[in-house]
């Protein structure tokens, strides 16, 4: 009789231990710590007004720094996650940093760093619809995407600063890129290259 009771008690203890172990595993899974921000996430967060974007010297080009004047975020479905309007110190040194919308989390963040094209060098005369294929600086570009939608400035959360925008992106061989940007009654052309965000340095905005 005593042996039977001891056996029953042992079975009950084993069952209780197994149940507690499984319960603890379930609780641990539910309290999993959030993933730490990646270097790519930190770089994206550093793209704020008054931050400084730096590009190192290249063959035939000195190093260049730009102040991020404005950051804008397009509505959902745009080929661009956000773009930064850059000030290089003069009207001739205005530029854009276009951060491409990339569904691949593991991929390196691709960006287009484009400098303002002077009016006399515009690929297409003002008022003419951008063509599917154009030539700029003796290089042929093919239209990659034509997007129209709404954008809003960051970090503003207001609902009254949305504005209509149109962006036409062009690609050529290698890293050469071209973009036409129209907002309100003004439009401009920008030309440059594709990079990864890791190739550029960002000095965070103070404060």
Protein backbone atom coordinates (compact mmCIF):
# COMPACT_ATOMS: atom_id res chain seq x y z
CA UNK A 1 0.00 0.00 0.00
CA UNK A 2 2.84 2.35 0.93
CA UNK A 3 4.73 1.55 -2.27
CA UNK A 4 1.66 2.27 -4.37
CA UNK A 5 1.15 5.64 -2.69
CA UNK A 6 4.81 6.56 -3.16
CA UNK A 7 4.58 5.67 -6.87
CA UNK A 8 1.45 7.80 -7.32
CA UNK A 9 3.14 10.71 -5.52
CA UNK A 10 6.21 10.39 -7.76
CA UNK A 11 4.08 10.41 -10.93
CA UNK A 12 2.21 13.50 -9.71
CA UNK A 13 5.45 15.35 -8.94
CA UNK A 14 6.87 14.52 -12.37
CA UNK A 15 3.69 15.73 -14.08
CA UNK A 16 3.72 18.96 -12.05
CA UNK A 17 7.42 19.58 -12.87
CA UNK A 18 6.81 19.02 -16.58
CA UNK A 19 3.80 21.38 -16.57
CA UNK A 20 5.77 24.13 -14.77
CA UNK A 21 8.70 23.78 -17.19
CA UNK A 22 6.42 24.14 -20.25
CA UNK A 23 4.60 27.09 -18.63
CA UNK A 24 7.92 28.84 -17.99
CA UNK A 25 9.01 28.32 -21.62
CA UNK A 26 5.73 29.81 -22.87
CA UNK A 27 6.16 32.85 -20.59
CA UNK A 28 9.76 33.35 -21.75
CA UNK A 29 8.66 33.33 -25.39
CA UNK A 30 6.00 35.94 -24.67
CA UNK A 31 8.50 38.25 -22.94
CA UNK A 32 11.11 38.10 -25.70
CA UNK A 33 13.25 41.26 -25.72
CA UNK A 34 12.80 43.55 -28.75
CA UNK A 35 15.60 43.45 -31.29
CA UNK A 36 18.25 46.13 -30.89
CA UNK A 37 18.31 48.81 -33.62
CA UNK A 38 20.63 48.00 -36.49
CA UNK A 39 23.25 50.33 -37.95
CA UNK A 40 20.86 50.90 -40.86
CA UNK A 41 18.05 51.91 -38.46
CA UNK A 42 20.34 54.31 -36.62
CA UNK A 43 21.47 55.92 -39.88
CA UNK A 44 17.85 56.40 -40.98
CA UNK A 45 16.96 57.99 -37.64
CA UNK A 46 19.93 60.36 -37.98
CA UNK A 47 18.49 61.78 -41.23
CA UNK A 48 16.93 64.81 -39.59
CA UNK A 49 16.86 68.55 -40.31
CA UNK A 50 20.15 70.25 -39.33
CA UNK A 51 22.14 67.01 -39.52
CA UNK A 52 25.15 67.05 -41.85
CA UNK A 53 25.63 64.55 -44.66
CA UNK A 54 29.28 63.96 -45.69
CA UNK A 55 30.69 62.30 -48.78
CA UNK A 56 34.40 61.53 -48.97
CA UNK A 57 36.69 62.65 -51.77
CA UNK A 58 36.35 60.82 -55.10
CA UNK A 59 38.53 60.81 -58.23
CA UNK A 60 38.36 64.34 -59.57
CA UNK A 61 36.00 65.51 -56.81
CA UNK A 62 36.84 66.87 -53.35
CA UNK A 63 34.97 65.81 -50.23
CA UNK A 64 31.54 67.44 -49.92
CA UNK A 65 29.31 68.26 -46.93
CA UNK A 66 25.61 69.15 -47.05
CA UNK A 67 23.28 70.46 -44.36
CA UNK A 68 19.98 68.56 -44.30
CA UNK A 69 17.44 71.37 -44.63
CA UNK A 70 14.25 69.37 -44.88
CA UNK A 71 13.14 65.76 -44.65
CA UNK A 72 9.98 64.62 -46.41
CA UNK A 73 8.16 61.31 -46.33
CA UNK A 74 5.94 60.20 -49.25
CA UNK A 75 2.64 58.42 -48.75
CA UNK A 76 2.47 54.63 -48.73
CA UNK A 77 3.33 52.86 -51.97
CA UNK A 78 5.97 55.35 -53.11
CA UNK A 79 9.28 54.03 -54.49
CA UNK A 80 11.04 56.39 -52.07
CA UNK A 81 10.89 55.94 -48.30
CA UNK A 82 11.89 59.57 -47.74
CA UNK A 83 13.99 62.29 -49.25
CA UNK A 84 16.20 64.97 -47.81
CA UNK A 85 16.73 68.39 -49.33
CA UNK A 86 20.40 69.27 -48.93
CA UNK A 87 22.19 72.63 -48.83
CA UNK A 88 25.83 72.60 -49.88
CA UNK A 89 26.46 76.28 -49.18
CA UNK A 90 25.24 77.93 -52.38
CA UNK A 91 22.34 77.76 -54.81
CA UNK A 92 24.50 75.77 -57.24
CA UNK A 93 25.20 73.15 -54.55
CA UNK A 94 21.62 72.20 -53.73
CA UNK A 95 21.10 68.43 -53.72
CA UNK A 96 18.73 65.59 -52.86
CA UNK A 97 19.21 62.37 -50.95
CA UNK A 98 16.55 59.87 -52.01
CA UNK A 99 16.19 56.86 -49.70
CA UNK A 100 14.68 54.03 -51.74
CA UNK A 101 11.84 51.98 -50.33
CA UNK A 102 13.39 48.52 -49.95
CA UNK A 103 11.20 45.60 -48.74
CA UNK A 104 14.26 43.49 -47.93
CA UNK A 105 15.19 44.04 -44.27
CA UNK A 106 18.57 42.38 -44.76
CA UNK A 107 19.51 44.46 -47.80
CA UNK A 108 21.81 47.43 -47.48
CA UNK A 109 19.79 50.63 -47.64
CA UNK A 110 20.13 52.05 -51.15
CA UNK A 111 20.12 55.81 -51.67
CA UNK A 112 20.47 58.22 -54.59
CA UNK A 113 22.65 61.26 -53.95
CA UNK A 114 21.75 63.77 -56.65
CA UNK A 115 22.98 67.31 -57.30
CA UNK A 116 20.81 70.07 -58.72
CA UNK A 117 21.01 70.46 -62.52
CA UNK A 118 21.25 74.15 -63.57
CA UNK A 119 18.35 75.40 -65.76
CA UNK A 120 20.56 75.72 -68.83
CA UNK A 121 21.53 72.02 -68.53
CA UNK A 122 18.04 70.59 -68.00
CA UNK A 123 17.53 67.38 -70.00
CA UNK A 124 14.06 68.59 -71.05
CA UNK A 125 12.76 72.13 -71.50
CA UNK A 126 10.49 73.32 -68.69
CA UNK A 127 6.85 72.53 -69.36
CA UNK A 128 7.51 69.42 -71.47
CA UNK A 129 6.42 66.05 -70.08
CA UNK A 130 9.41 63.84 -69.13
CA UNK A 131 10.01 61.20 -71.80
CA UNK A 132 10.58 57.48 -71.30
CA UNK A 133 14.18 57.88 -72.44
CA UNK A 134 16.33 61.01 -72.27
CA UNK A 135 19.97 62.00 -72.76
CA UNK A 136 21.88 64.04 -70.20
CA UNK A 137 25.62 64.80 -70.25
CA UNK A 138 26.07 62.40 -73.19
CA UNK A 139 24.55 59.53 -71.23
CA UNK A 140 21.23 57.82 -71.99
CA UNK A 141 18.75 57.35 -69.14
CA UNK A 142 15.63 55.16 -69.11
CA UNK A 143 12.60 55.97 -66.99
CA UNK A 144 12.50 53.70 -63.94
CA UNK A 145 9.33 54.87 -62.21
CA UNK A 146 6.84 57.75 -62.37
CA UNK A 147 5.15 58.34 -59.01
CA UNK A 148 2.50 60.87 -57.99
CA UNK A 149 1.21 61.23 -54.45
CA UNK A 150 1.29 63.16 -51.22
CA UNK A 151 4.30 64.01 -49.06
CA UNK A 152 4.65 65.55 -45.63
CA UNK A 153 7.55 67.09 -43.81
CA UNK A 154 9.26 65.29 -40.94
CA UNK A 155 9.26 65.35 -37.96
CA UNK A 156 5.96 67.27 -38.22
CA UNK A 157 2.93 65.16 -37.34
CA UNK A 158 0.41 67.74 -38.50
CA UNK A 159 -2.26 66.90 -41.04
CA UNK A 160 -2.12 70.24 -42.84
CA UNK A 161 1.36 70.12 -44.37
CA UNK A 162 0.62 67.41 -46.94
CA UNK A 163 1.23 68.50 -50.50
CA UNK A 164 0.98 67.02 -53.96
CA UNK A 165 4.21 65.82 -55.51
CA UNK A 166 5.47 64.00 -58.56
CA UNK A 167 8.79 62.18 -58.87
CA UNK A 168 10.15 60.61 -62.05
CA UNK A 169 13.24 58.45 -61.55
CA UNK A 170 15.69 57.50 -64.32
CA UNK A 171 18.48 54.93 -64.43
CA UNK A 172 21.53 54.62 -66.67
CA UNK A 173 24.32 52.06 -66.81
CA UNK A 174 26.27 51.58 -63.61
CA UNK A 175 25.37 53.82 -60.69
CA UNK A 176 24.27 56.86 -62.74
CA UNK A 177 20.86 58.21 -61.75
CA UNK A 178 18.57 61.11 -62.65
CA UNK A 179 15.38 62.48 -61.08
CA UNK A 180 12.72 65.03 -61.91
CA UNK A 181 10.90 66.47 -58.90
CA UNK A 182 7.76 68.61 -59.09
CA UNK A 183 6.08 70.18 -56.06
CA UNK A 184 3.42 72.89 -56.24
CA UNK A 185 4.30 75.16 -59.17
CA UNK A 186 8.04 74.48 -59.24
CA UNK A 187 10.07 71.63 -60.69
CA UNK A 188 13.77 70.73 -60.86
CA UNK A 189 16.15 68.10 -62.25
CA UNK A 190 18.81 66.32 -60.19
CA UNK A 191 21.66 64.08 -61.39
CA UNK A 192 24.06 61.85 -59.49
CA UNK A 193 24.77 58.30 -58.40
CA UNK A 194 23.34 55.42 -56.41
CA UNK A 195 25.10 54.49 -53.15
CA UNK A 196 24.43 52.54 -50.01
CA UNK A 197 23.68 54.58 -46.91
CA UNK A 198 26.73 53.02 -45.24
CA UNK A 199 28.99 54.74 -47.81
CA UNK A 200 27.97 58.16 -46.47
CA UNK A 201 28.68 59.73 -43.11
CA UNK A 202 25.97 61.48 -41.09
CA UNK A 203 26.77 63.95 -38.32
CA UNK A 204 23.63 64.04 -36.13
CA UNK A 205 21.83 67.31 -35.54
CA UNK A 206 22.66 68.91 -32.21
CA UNK A 207 19.89 68.82 -29.67
